[in-house]
Amino acid sequence: MTNPTHSNRATTAAGLALALGAALTLAATPMAAQAADTEKCFGVALKGKNDCKAGAGTTCAGTSKTDYQGNAWSMVPKGTCEKTVSKTSPTGFGQAKEFKEVKA
């Protein structure tokens, strides 16, 4: 005779695994599409508004210490980085790689 409690637990576990897999798939799809249409741009984030790690002393999003920090980046629409103003960049615009800041 089959134990109904054991059967219910197995069904619940399988359902949870399926739901988690579906949620992860749906969450990953927009990020992949977004990644294809965007690029990292250094020196354009405002203080505390960077997207991820901004050099020594920072960990991830929102940890940049100053506006236009040369080692802090934000995701911008592809093709716009080097057209976006950066008050500390040697060129005056965002850069594809981190840079040493110049005085604004």
PDB file of N, CA and C in Angstrom:
ATOM      1  N   MET A   1       0.838  -1.173   0.000  1.00  0.00           N
ATOM      2  CA  MET A   1       0.000   0.000   0.000  1.00  0.00           C
ATOM      3  C   MET A   1       0.890   1.246   0.000  1.00  0.00           C
ATOM      4  N   THR A   2       0.551   2.229  -0.801  1.00  0.00           N
ATOM      5  CA  THR A   2       1.323   3.454  -0.931  1.00  0.00           C
ATOM      6  C   THR A   2       0.984   4.412   0.202  1.00  0.00           C
ATOM      7  N   ASN A   3       2.011   5.069   0.731  1.00  0.00           N
ATOM      8  CA  ASN A   3       1.820   6.037   1.803  1.00  0.00           C
ATOM      9  C   ASN A   3       1.377   7.359   1.181  1.00  0.00           C
ATOM     10  N   PRO A   4       0.131   7.825   1.438  1.00  0.00           N
ATOM     11  CA  PRO A   4      -0.360   9.053   0.801  1.00  0.00           C
ATOM     12  C   PRO A   4       0.438  10.298   1.200  1.00  0.00           C
ATOM     13  N   THR A   5       0.965  10.338   2.405  1.00  0.00           N
ATOM     14  CA  THR A   5       1.757  11.492   2.842  1.00  0.00           C
ATOM     15  C   THR A   5       3.031  11.605   2.026  1.00  0.00           C
ATOM     16  N   HIS A   6       3.701  10.475   1.793  1.00  0.00           N
ATOM     17  CA  HIS A   6       4.924  10.461   0.994  1.00  0.00           C
ATOM     18  C   HIS A   6       4.629  10.889  -0.439  1.00  0.00           C
ATOM     19  N   SER A   7       3.534  10.431  -0.996  1.00  0.00           N
ATOM     20  CA  SER A   7       3.150  10.777  -2.362  1.00  0.00           C
ATOM     21  C   SER A   7       2.866  12.274  -2.482  1.00  0.00           C
ATOM     22  N   ASN A   8       2.174  12.846  -1.494  1.00  0.00           N
ATOM     23  CA  ASN A   8       1.869  14.284  -1.518  1.00  0.00           C
ATOM     24  C   ASN A   8       3.135  15.124  -1.426  1.00  0.00           C
ATOM     25  N   ARG A   9       4.094  14.701  -0.617  1.00  0.00           N
ATOM     26  CA  ARG A   9       5.359  15.434  -0.493  1.00  0.00           C
ATOM     27  C   ARG A   9       6.132  15.414  -1.806  1.00  0.00           C
ATOM     28  N   ALA A  10       6.148  14.262  -2.460  1.00  0.00           N
ATOM     29  CA  ALA A  10       6.854  14.145  -3.738  1.00  0.00           C
ATOM     30  C   ALA A  10       6.208  15.040  -4.790  1.00  0.00           C
ATOM     31  N   THR A  11       4.876  15.063  -4.809  1.00  0.00           N
ATOM     32  CA  THR A  11       4.157  15.902  -5.767  1.00  0.00           C
ATOM     33  C   THR A  11       4.427  17.379  -5.484  1.00  0.00           C
ATOM     34  N   THR A  12       4.403  17.762  -4.218  1.00  0.00           N
ATOM     35  CA  THR A  12       4.673  19.148  -3.838  1.00  0.00           C
ATOM     36  C   THR A  12       6.097  19.550  -4.211  1.00  0.00           C
ATOM     37  N   ALA A  13       7.065  18.689  -3.942  1.00  0.00           N
ATOM     38  CA  ALA A  13       8.459  18.984  -4.274  1.00  0.00           C
ATOM     39  C   ALA A  13       8.639  19.135  -5.778  1.00  0.00           C
ATOM     40  N   ALA A  14       8.006  18.262  -6.548  1.00  0.00           N
ATOM     41  CA  ALA A  14       8.112  18.342  -8.006  1.00  0.00           C
ATOM     42  C   ALA A  14       7.479  19.628  -8.517  1.00  0.00           C
ATOM     43  N   GLY A  15       6.350  20.003  -7.948  1.00  0.00           N
ATOM     44  CA  GLY A  15       5.676  21.239  -8.347  1.00  0.00           C
ATOM     45  C   GLY A  15       6.513  22.468  -8.035  1.00  0.00           C
ATOM     46  N   LEU A  16       7.125  22.478  -6.864  1.00  0.00           N
ATOM     47  CA  LEU A  16       7.994  23.595  -6.494  1.00  0.00           C
ATOM     48  C   LEU A  16       9.209  23.692  -7.408  1.00  0.00           C
ATOM     49  N   ALA A  17       9.796  22.566  -7.739  1.00  0.00           N
ATOM     50  CA  ALA A  17      10.955  22.560  -8.635  1.00  0.00           C
ATOM     51  C   ALA A  17      10.573  23.092 -10.012  1.00  0.00           C
ATOM     52  N   LEU A  18       9.414  22.685 -10.505  1.00  0.00           N
ATOM     53  CA  LEU A  18       8.939  23.149 -11.808  1.00  0.00           C
ATOM     54  C   LEU A  18       8.681  24.661 -11.776  1.00  0.00           C
ATOM     55  N   ALA A  19       8.036  25.134 -10.718  1.00  0.00           N
ATOM     56  CA  ALA A  19       7.747  26.564 -10.602  1.00  0.00           C
ATOM     57  C   ALA A  19       9.034  27.387 -10.515  1.00  0.00           C
ATOM     58  N   LEU A  20      10.003  26.912  -9.752  1.00  0.00           N
ATOM     59  CA  LEU A  20      11.280  27.617  -9.628  1.00  0.00           C
ATOM     60  C   LEU A  20      12.000  27.676 -10.973  1.00  0.00           C
ATOM     61  N   GLY A  21      12.008  26.563 -11.685  1.00  0.00           N
ATOM     62  CA  GLY A  21      12.648  26.530 -13.002  1.00  0.00           C
ATOM     63  C   GLY A  21      12.004  27.510 -13.967  1.00  0.00           C
ATOM     64  N   ALA A  22      10.678  27.565 -13.955  1.00  0.00           N
ATOM     65  CA  ALA A  22       9.962  28.490 -14.836  1.00  0.00           C
ATOM     66  C   ALA A  22      10.269  29.938 -14.462  1.00  0.00           C
ATOM     67  N   ALA A  23      10.289  30.229 -13.172  1.00  0.00           N
ATOM     68  CA  ALA A  23      10.575  31.592 -12.720  1.00  0.00           C
ATOM     69  C   ALA A  23      11.981  32.025 -13.119  1.00  0.00           C
ATOM     70  N   LEU A  24      12.944  31.141 -12.964  1.00  0.00           N
ATOM     71  CA  LEU A  24      14.324  31.474 -13.336  1.00  0.00           C
ATOM     72  C   LEU A  24      14.455  31.698 -14.834  1.00  0.00           C
ATOM     73  N   THR A  25      13.771  30.901 -15.623  1.00  0.00           N
ATOM     74  CA  THR A  25      13.810  31.056 -17.077  1.00  0.00           C
ATOM     75  C   THR A  25      13.220  32.397 -17.484  1.00  0.00           C
ATOM     76  N   LEU A  26      12.079  32.750 -16.908  1.00  0.00           N
ATOM     77  CA  LEU A  26      11.440  34.017 -17.244  1.00  0.00           C
ATOM     78  C   LEU A  26      12.275  35.202 -16.790  1.00  0.00           C
ATOM     79  N   ALA A  27      12.914  35.091 -15.657  1.00  0.00           N
ATOM     80  CA  ALA A  27      13.746  36.184 -15.151  1.00  0.00           C
ATOM     81  C   ALA A  27      14.986  36.380 -16.004  1.00  0.00           C
ATOM     82  N   ALA A  28      15.552  35.314 -16.520  1.00  0.00           N
ATOM     83  CA  ALA A  28      16.787  35.397 -17.298  1.00  0.00           C
ATOM     84  C   ALA A  28      16.547  35.947 -18.699  1.00  0.00           C
ATOM     85  N   THR A  29      15.384  35.721 -19.266  1.00  0.00           N
ATOM     86  CA  THR A  29      15.109  36.134 -20.635  1.00  0.00           C
ATOM     87  C   THR A  29      15.207  37.646 -20.823  1.00  0.00           C
ATOM     88  N   PRO A  30      14.556  38.484 -20.001  1.00  0.00           N
ATOM     89  CA  PRO A  30      14.699  39.926 -20.199  1.00  0.00           C
ATOM     90  C   PRO A  30      16.132  40.412 -20.000  1.00  0.00           C
ATOM     91  N   MET A  31      16.867  39.820 -19.067  1.00  0.00           N
ATOM     92  CA  MET A  31      18.249  40.233 -18.834  1.00  0.00           C
ATOM     93  C   MET A  31      19.106  39.957 -20.064  1.00  0.00           C
ATOM     94  N   ALA A  32      18.885  38.814 -20.706  1.00  0.00           N
ATOM     95  CA  ALA A  32      19.657  38.488 -21.902  1.00  0.00           C
ATOM     96  C   ALA A  32      19.338  39.477 -23.018  1.00  0.00           C
ATOM     97  N   ALA A  33      18.055  39.802 -23.167  1.00  0.00           N
ATOM     98  CA  ALA A  33      17.666  40.765 -24.194  1.00  0.00           C
ATOM     99  C   ALA A  33      18.223  42.142 -23.864  1.00  0.00           C
ATOM    100  N   GLN A  34      18.175  42.516 -22.589  1.00  0.00           N
ATOM    101  CA  GLN A  34      18.700  43.808 -22.170  1.00  0.00           C
ATOM    102  C   GLN A  34      20.200  43.878 -22.397  1.00  0.00           C
ATOM    103  N   ALA A  35      20.916  42.820 -22.075  1.00  0.00           N
ATOM    104  CA  ALA A  35      22.371  42.809 -22.213  1.00  0.00           C
ATOM    105  C   ALA A  35      22.790  43.020 -23.663  1.00  0.00           C
ATOM    106  N   ALA A  36      22.016  42.513 -24.605  1.00  0.00           N
ATOM    107  CA  ALA A  36      22.357  42.649 -26.015  1.00  0.00           C
ATOM    108  C   ALA A  36      22.189  44.092 -26.498  1.00  0.00           C
ATOM    109  N   ASP A  37      21.325  44.857 -25.830  1.00  0.00           N
ATOM    110  CA  ASP A  37      21.027  46.217 -26.261  1.00  0.00           C
ATOM    111  C   ASP A  37      21.725  47.288 -25.429  1.00  0.00           C
ATOM    112  N   THR A  38      22.552  46.861 -24.469  1.00  0.00           N
ATOM    113  CA  THR A  38      23.210  47.822 -23.591  1.00  0.00           C
ATOM    114  C   THR A  38      24.699  47.540 -23.490  1.00  0.00           C
ATOM    115  N   GLU A  39      25.418  48.496 -22.916  1.00  0.00           N
ATOM    116  CA  GLU A  39      26.853  48.326 -22.698  1.00  0.00           C
ATOM    117  C   GLU A  39      27.259  49.048 -21.419  1.00  0.00           C
ATOM    118  N   LYS A  40      28.373  48.603 -20.831  1.00  0.00           N
ATOM    119  CA  LYS A  40      28.922  49.280 -19.659  1.00  0.00           C
ATOM    120  C   LYS A  40      29.506  50.609 -20.102  1.00  0.00           C
ATOM    121  N   CYS A  41      29.286  51.625 -19.282  1.00  0.00           N
ATOM    122  CA  CYS A  41      29.843  52.938 -19.582  1.00  0.00           C
ATOM    123  C   CYS A  41      30.423  53.518 -18.296  1.00  0.00           C
ATOM    124  N   PHE A  42      31.730  53.725 -18.291  1.00  0.00           N
ATOM    125  CA  PHE A  42      32.434  54.241 -17.121  1.00  0.00           C
ATOM    126  C   PHE A  42      32.391  55.764 -17.095  1.00  0.00           C
ATOM    127  N   GLY A  43      32.262  56.303 -15.875  1.00  0.00           N
ATOM    128  CA  GLY A  43      32.349  57.740 -15.687  1.00  0.00           C
ATOM    129  C   GLY A  43      31.065  58.512 -15.897  1.00  0.00           C
ATOM    130  N   VAL A  44      29.934  57.844 -16.028  1.00  0.00           N
ATOM    131  CA  VAL A  44      28.673  58.552 -16.245  1.00  0.00           C
ATOM    132  C   VAL A  44      27.707  58.435 -15.071  1.00  0.00           C
ATOM    133  N   ALA A  45      27.993  57.542 -14.124  1.00  0.00           N
ATOM    134  CA  ALA A  45      27.090  57.337 -12.984  1.00  0.00           C
ATOM    135  C   ALA A  45      27.222  58.479 -11.978  1.00  0.00           C
ATOM    136  N   LEU A  46      26.107  58.848 -11.407  1.00  0.00           N
ATOM    137  CA  LEU A  46      26.132  59.828 -10.325  1.00  0.00           C
ATOM    138  C   LEU A  46      26.406  59.113  -9.008  1.00  0.00           C
ATOM    139  N   LYS A  47      26.818  59.860  -7.998  1.00  0.00           N
ATOM    140  CA  LYS A  47      27.157  59.301  -6.684  1.00  0.00           C
ATOM    141  C   LYS A  47      26.040  58.372  -6.194  1.00  0.00           C
ATOM    142  N   GLY A  48      26.433  57.129  -5.875  1.00  0.00           N
ATOM    143  CA  GLY A  48      25.483  56.155  -5.351  1.00  0.00           C
ATOM    144  C   GLY A  48      24.531  55.570  -6.373  1.00  0.00           C
ATOM    145  N   LYS A  49      24.750  55.820  -7.655  1.00  0.00           N
ATOM    146  CA  LYS A  49      23.825  55.354  -8.697  1.00  0.00           C
ATOM    147  C   LYS A  49      24.472  54.411  -9.706  1.00  0.00           C
ATOM    148  N   ASN A  50      25.697  53.944  -9.445  1.00  0.00           N
ATOM    149  CA  ASN A  50      26.356  53.036 -10.390  1.00  0.00           C
ATOM    150  C   ASN A  50      25.658  51.682 -10.393  1.00  0.00           C
ATOM    151  N   ASP A  51      25.838  50.922 -11.473  1.00  0.00           N
ATOM    152  CA  ASP A  51      25.180  49.628 -11.597  1.00  0.00           C
ATOM    153  C   ASP A  51      25.895  48.512 -10.864  1.00  0.00           C
ATOM    154  N   CYS A  52      27.206  48.519 -10.796  1.00  0.00           N
ATOM    155  CA  CYS A  52      27.889  47.474 -10.026  1.00  0.00           C
ATOM    156  C   CYS A  52      29.266  47.948  -9.590  1.00  0.00           C
ATOM    157  N   LYS A  53      30.130  47.014  -9.218  1.00  0.00           N
ATOM    158  CA  LYS A  53      31.406  47.323  -8.573  1.00  0.00           C
ATOM    159  C   LYS A  53      32.103  48.541  -9.173  1.00  0.00           C
ATOM    160  N   ALA A  54      32.537  49.401  -8.275  1.00  0.00           N
ATOM    161  CA  ALA A  54      33.184  50.638  -8.688  1.00  0.00           C
ATOM    162  C   ALA A  54      34.559  50.755  -8.052  1.00  0.00           C
ATOM    163  N   GLY A  55      35.397  49.769  -8.270  1.00  0.00           N
ATOM    164  CA  GLY A  55      36.767  49.822  -7.785  1.00  0.00           C
ATOM    165  C   GLY A  55      36.933  49.545  -6.305  1.00  0.00           C
ATOM    166  N   ALA A  56      38.123  49.803  -5.823  1.00  0.00           N
ATOM    167  CA  ALA A  56      38.474  49.518  -4.426  1.00  0.00           C
ATOM    168  C   ALA A  56      37.542  50.244  -3.466  1.00  0.00           C
ATOM    169  N   GLY A  57      37.136  49.530  -2.423  1.00  0.00           N
ATOM    170  CA  GLY A  57      36.280  50.116  -1.401  1.00  0.00           C
ATOM    171  C   GLY A  57      34.801  50.071  -1.713  1.00  0.00           C
ATOM    172  N   THR A  58      34.436  49.502  -2.846  1.00  0.00           N
ATOM    173  CA  THR A  58      33.020  49.378  -3.194  1.00  0.00           C
ATOM    174  C   THR A  58      32.705  47.918  -3.468  1.00  0.00           C
ATOM    175  N   THR A  59      31.445  47.588  -3.404  1.00  0.00           N
ATOM    176  CA  THR A  59      31.052  46.203  -3.638  1.00  0.00           C
ATOM    177  C   THR A  59      30.188  46.056  -4.865  1.00  0.00           C
ATOM    178  N   CYS A  60      29.072  46.754  -4.896  1.00  0.00           N
ATOM    179  CA  CYS A  60      28.210  46.600  -6.063  1.00  0.00           C
ATOM    180  C   CYS A  60      27.345  47.834  -6.255  1.00  0.00           C
ATOM    181  N   ALA A  61      26.175  47.639  -6.828  1.00  0.00           N
ATOM    182  CA  ALA A  61      25.315  48.747  -7.221  1.00  0.00           C
ATOM    183  C   ALA A  61      25.126  49.772  -6.111  1.00  0.00           C
ATOM    184  N   GLY A  62      25.193  51.028  -6.494  1.00  0.00           N
ATOM    185  CA  GLY A  62      24.927  52.114  -5.572  1.00  0.00           C
ATOM    186  C   GLY A  62      26.054  52.470  -4.624  1.00  0.00           C
ATOM    187  N   THR A  63      27.280  52.045  -4.927  1.00  0.00           N
ATOM    188  CA  THR A  63      28.383  52.283  -3.995  1.00  0.00           C
ATOM    189  C   THR A  63      29.416  53.290  -4.493  1.00  0.00           C
ATOM    190  N   SER A  64      29.177  53.928  -5.629  1.00  0.00           N
ATOM    191  CA  SER A  64      30.143  54.933  -6.088  1.00  0.00           C
ATOM    192  C   SER A  64      30.141  56.110  -5.116  1.00  0.00           C
ATOM    193  N   LYS A  65      31.306  56.666  -4.900  1.00  0.00           N
ATOM    194  CA  LYS A  65      31.494  57.704  -3.878  1.00  0.00           C
ATOM    195  C   LYS A  65      31.311  59.125  -4.407  1.00  0.00           C
ATOM    196  N   THR A  66      31.479  59.315  -5.721  1.00  0.00           N
ATOM    197  CA  THR A  66      31.375  60.652  -6.304  1.00  0.00           C
ATOM    198  C   THR A  66      30.642  60.586  -7.636  1.00  0.00           C
ATOM    199  N   ASP A  67      30.148  61.725  -8.088  1.00  0.00           N
ATOM    200  CA  ASP A  67      29.567  61.812  -9.429  1.00  0.00           C
ATOM    201  C   ASP A  67      30.662  61.590 -10.465  1.00  0.00           C
ATOM    202  N   TYR A  68      30.343  60.902 -11.526  1.00  0.00           N
ATOM    203  CA  TYR A  68      31.235  60.683 -12.672  1.00  0.00           C
ATOM    204  C   TYR A  68      32.537  59.978 -12.294  1.00  0.00           C
ATOM    205  N   GLN A  69      32.473  59.097 -11.312  1.00  0.00           N
ATOM    206  CA  GLN A  69      33.658  58.354 -10.853  1.00  0.00           C
ATOM    207  C   GLN A  69      34.209  57.517 -12.002  1.00  0.00           C
ATOM    208  N   GLY A  70      35.496  57.612 -12.248  1.00  0.00           N
ATOM    209  CA  GLY A  70      36.125  56.968 -13.400  1.00  0.00           C
ATOM    210  C   GLY A  70      36.136  55.453 -13.389  1.00  0.00           C
ATOM    211  N   ASN A  71      35.971  54.836 -12.224  1.00  0.00           N
ATOM    212  CA  ASN A  71      35.946  53.375 -12.183  1.00  0.00           C
ATOM    213  C   ASN A  71      34.563  52.835 -11.851  1.00  0.00           C
ATOM    214  N   ALA A  72      33.548  53.693 -11.910  1.00  0.00           N
ATOM    215  CA  ALA A  72      32.162  53.275 -11.689  1.00  0.00           C
ATOM    216  C   ALA A  72      31.446  53.260 -13.031  1.00  0.00           C
ATOM    217  N   TRP A  73      30.629  52.238 -13.238  1.00  0.00           N
ATOM    218  CA  TRP A  73      29.945  52.152 -14.525  1.00  0.00           C
ATOM    219  C   TRP A  73      28.443  52.006 -14.359  1.00  0.00           C
ATOM    220  N   SER A  74      27.741  52.371 -15.418  1.00  0.00           N
ATOM    221  CA  SER A  74      26.304  52.171 -15.540  1.00  0.00           C
ATOM    222  C   SER A  74      26.046  51.547 -16.897  1.00  0.00           C
ATOM    223  N   MET A  75      24.968  50.792 -16.998  1.00  0.00           N
ATOM    224  CA  MET A  75      24.563  50.243 -18.288  1.00  0.00           C
ATOM    225  C   MET A  75      23.817  51.343 -19.044  1.00  0.00           C
ATOM    226  N   VAL A  76      24.196  51.537 -20.288  1.00  0.00           N
ATOM    227  CA  VAL A  76      23.558  52.539 -21.137  1.00  0.00           C
ATOM    228  C   VAL A  76      23.183  51.878 -22.458  1.00  0.00           C
ATOM    229  N   PRO A  77      22.251  52.471 -23.213  1.00  0.00           N
ATOM    230  CA  PRO A  77      21.919  51.901 -24.516  1.00  0.00           C
ATOM    231  C   PRO A  77      23.164  51.804 -25.396  1.00  0.00           C
ATOM    232  N   LYS A  78      23.299  50.680 -26.081  1.00  0.00           N
ATOM    233  CA  LYS A  78      24.461  50.431 -26.933  1.00  0.00           C
ATOM    234  C   LYS A  78      24.650  51.589 -27.917  1.00  0.00           C
ATOM    235  N   GLY A  79      25.891  52.052 -28.022  1.00  0.00           N
ATOM    236  CA  GLY A  79      26.227  53.123 -28.953  1.00  0.00           C
ATOM    237  C   GLY A  79      26.114  54.526 -28.375  1.00  0.00           C
ATOM    238  N   THR A  80      25.698  54.648 -27.102  1.00  0.00           N
ATOM    239  CA  THR A  80      25.530  55.983 -26.524  1.00  0.00           C
ATOM    240  C   THR A  80      26.599  56.351 -25.506  1.00  0.00           C
ATOM    241  N   CYS A  81      27.408  55.404 -25.073  1.00  0.00           N
ATOM    242  CA  CYS A  81      28.373  55.668 -24.004  1.00  0.00           C
ATOM    243  C   CYS A  81      29.287  56.842 -24.335  1.00  0.00           C
ATOM    244  N   GLU A  82      29.930  56.798 -25.457  1.00  0.00           N
ATOM    245  CA  GLU A  82      30.920  57.819 -25.799  1.00  0.00           C
ATOM    246  C   GLU A  82      30.280  59.115 -26.293  1.00  0.00           C
ATOM    247  N   LYS A  83      28.933  59.186 -26.179  1.00  0.00           N
ATOM    248  CA  LYS A  83      28.202  60.422 -26.471  1.00  0.00           C
ATOM    249  C   LYS A  83      27.599  61.004 -25.194  1.00  0.00           C
ATOM    250  N   THR A  84      27.748  60.258 -24.072  1.00  0.00           N
ATOM    251  CA  THR A  84      27.176  60.672 -22.792  1.00  0.00           C
ATOM    252  C   THR A  84      28.201  61.497 -22.019  1.00  0.00           C
ATOM    253  N   VAL A  85      27.799  62.656 -21.537  1.00  0.00           N
ATOM    254  CA  VAL A  85      28.706  63.571 -20.834  1.00  0.00           C
ATOM    255  C   VAL A  85      29.265  62.936 -19.566  1.00  0.00           C
ATOM    256  N   SER A  86      30.568  63.116 -19.372  1.00  0.00           N
ATOM    257  CA  SER A  86      31.259  62.727 -18.144  1.00  0.00           C
ATOM    258  C   SER A  86      32.177  63.878 -17.764  1.00  0.00           C
ATOM    259  N   LYS A  87      31.910  64.498 -16.641  1.00  0.00           N
ATOM    260  CA  LYS A  87      32.677  65.677 -16.226  1.00  0.00           C
ATOM    261  C   LYS A  87      34.080  65.353 -15.747  1.00  0.00           C
ATOM    262  N   THR A  88      34.422  64.069 -15.608  1.00  0.00           N
ATOM    263  CA  THR A  88      35.763  63.704 -15.131  1.00  0.00           C
ATOM    264  C   THR A  88      36.574  62.932 -16.161  1.00  0.00           C
ATOM    265  N   SER A  89      35.980  62.629 -17.299  1.00  0.00           N
ATOM    266  CA  SER A  89      36.661  61.856 -18.340  1.00  0.00           C
ATOM    267  C   SER A  89      37.632  62.740 -19.120  1.00  0.00           C
ATOM    268  N   PRO A  90      38.760  62.192 -19.532  1.00  0.00           N
ATOM    269  CA  PRO A  90      39.704  62.973 -20.340  1.00  0.00           C
ATOM    270  C   PRO A  90      39.092  63.502 -21.636  1.00  0.00           C
ATOM    271  N   THR A  91      38.077  62.798 -22.152  1.00  0.00           N
ATOM    272  CA  THR A  91      37.437  63.227 -23.397  1.00  0.00           C
ATOM    273  C   THR A  91      36.178  64.044 -23.152  1.00  0.00           C
ATOM    274  N   GLY A  92      35.702  64.050 -21.899  1.00  0.00           N
ATOM    275  CA  GLY A  92      34.454  64.744 -21.589  1.00  0.00           C
ATOM    276  C   GLY A  92      33.222  63.876 -21.767  1.00  0.00           C
ATOM    277  N   PHE A  93      33.454  62.607 -22.145  1.00  0.00           N
ATOM    278  CA  PHE A  93      32.349  61.679 -22.376  1.00  0.00           C
ATOM    279  C   PHE A  93      32.639  60.342 -21.708  1.00  0.00           C
ATOM    280  N   GLY A  94      31.592  59.516 -21.560  1.00  0.00           N
ATOM    281  CA  GLY A  94      31.749  58.186 -20.984  1.00  0.00           C
ATOM    282  C   GLY A  94      32.769  57.367 -21.750  1.00  0.00           C
ATOM    283  N   GLN A  95      33.316  56.355 -21.083  1.00  0.00           N
ATOM    284  CA  GLN A  95      34.355  55.511 -21.674  1.00  0.00           C
ATOM    285  C   GLN A  95      33.976  54.037 -21.538  1.00  0.00           C
ATOM    286  N   ALA A  96      34.453  53.219 -22.462  1.00  0.00           N
ATOM    287  CA  ALA A  96      34.200  51.779 -22.424  1.00  0.00           C
ATOM    288  C   ALA A  96      35.022  51.090 -21.332  1.00  0.00           C
ATOM    289  N   LYS A  97      36.086  51.740 -20.871  1.00  0.00           N
ATOM    290  CA  LYS A  97      36.942  51.184 -19.812  1.00  0.00           C
ATOM    291  C   LYS A  97      37.131  52.233 -18.729  1.00  0.00           C
ATOM    292  N   GLU A  98      37.447  51.751 -17.511  1.00  0.00           N
ATOM    293  CA  GLU A  98      37.666  52.716 -16.430  1.00  0.00           C
ATOM    294  C   GLU A  98      38.847  53.618 -16.763  1.00  0.00           C
ATOM    295  N   PHE A  99      38.855  54.799 -16.179  1.00  0.00           N
ATOM    296  CA  PHE A  99      39.886  55.784 -16.495  1.00  0.00           C
ATOM    297  C   PHE A  99      40.271  56.572 -15.253  1.00  0.00           C
ATOM    298  N   LYS A 100      41.426  57.226 -15.350  1.00  0.00           N
ATOM    299  CA  LYS A 100      41.878  58.127 -14.281  1.00  0.00           C
ATOM    300  C   LYS A 100      41.160  59.452 -14.492  1.00  0.00           C
ATOM    301  N   GLU A 101      40.497  59.910 -13.465  1.00  0.00           N
ATOM    302  CA  GLU A 101      39.686  61.116 -13.558  1.00  0.00           C
ATOM    303  C   GLU A 101      40.536  62.381 -13.698  1.00  0.00           C
ATOM    304  N   VAL A 102      40.018  63.326 -14.469  1.00  0.00           N
ATOM    305  CA  VAL A 102      40.614  64.654 -14.558  1.00  0.00           C
ATOM    306  C   VAL A 102      39.726  65.594 -13.756  1.00  0.00           C
ATOM    307  N   LYS A 103      40.265  66.700 -13.295  1.00  0.00           N
ATOM    308  CA  LYS A 103      39.473  67.661 -12.512  1.00  0.00           C
ATOM    309  C   LYS A 103      38.392  68.269 -13.386  1.00  0.00           C
ATOM    310  N   ALA A 104      37.210  68.340 -12.827  1.00  0.00           N
ATOM    311  CA  ALA A 104      36.071  68.894 -13.571  1.00  0.00           C
ATOM    312  C   ALA A 104      36.110  70.404 -13.605  1.00  0.00           C
TER     313      ALA A 104
END
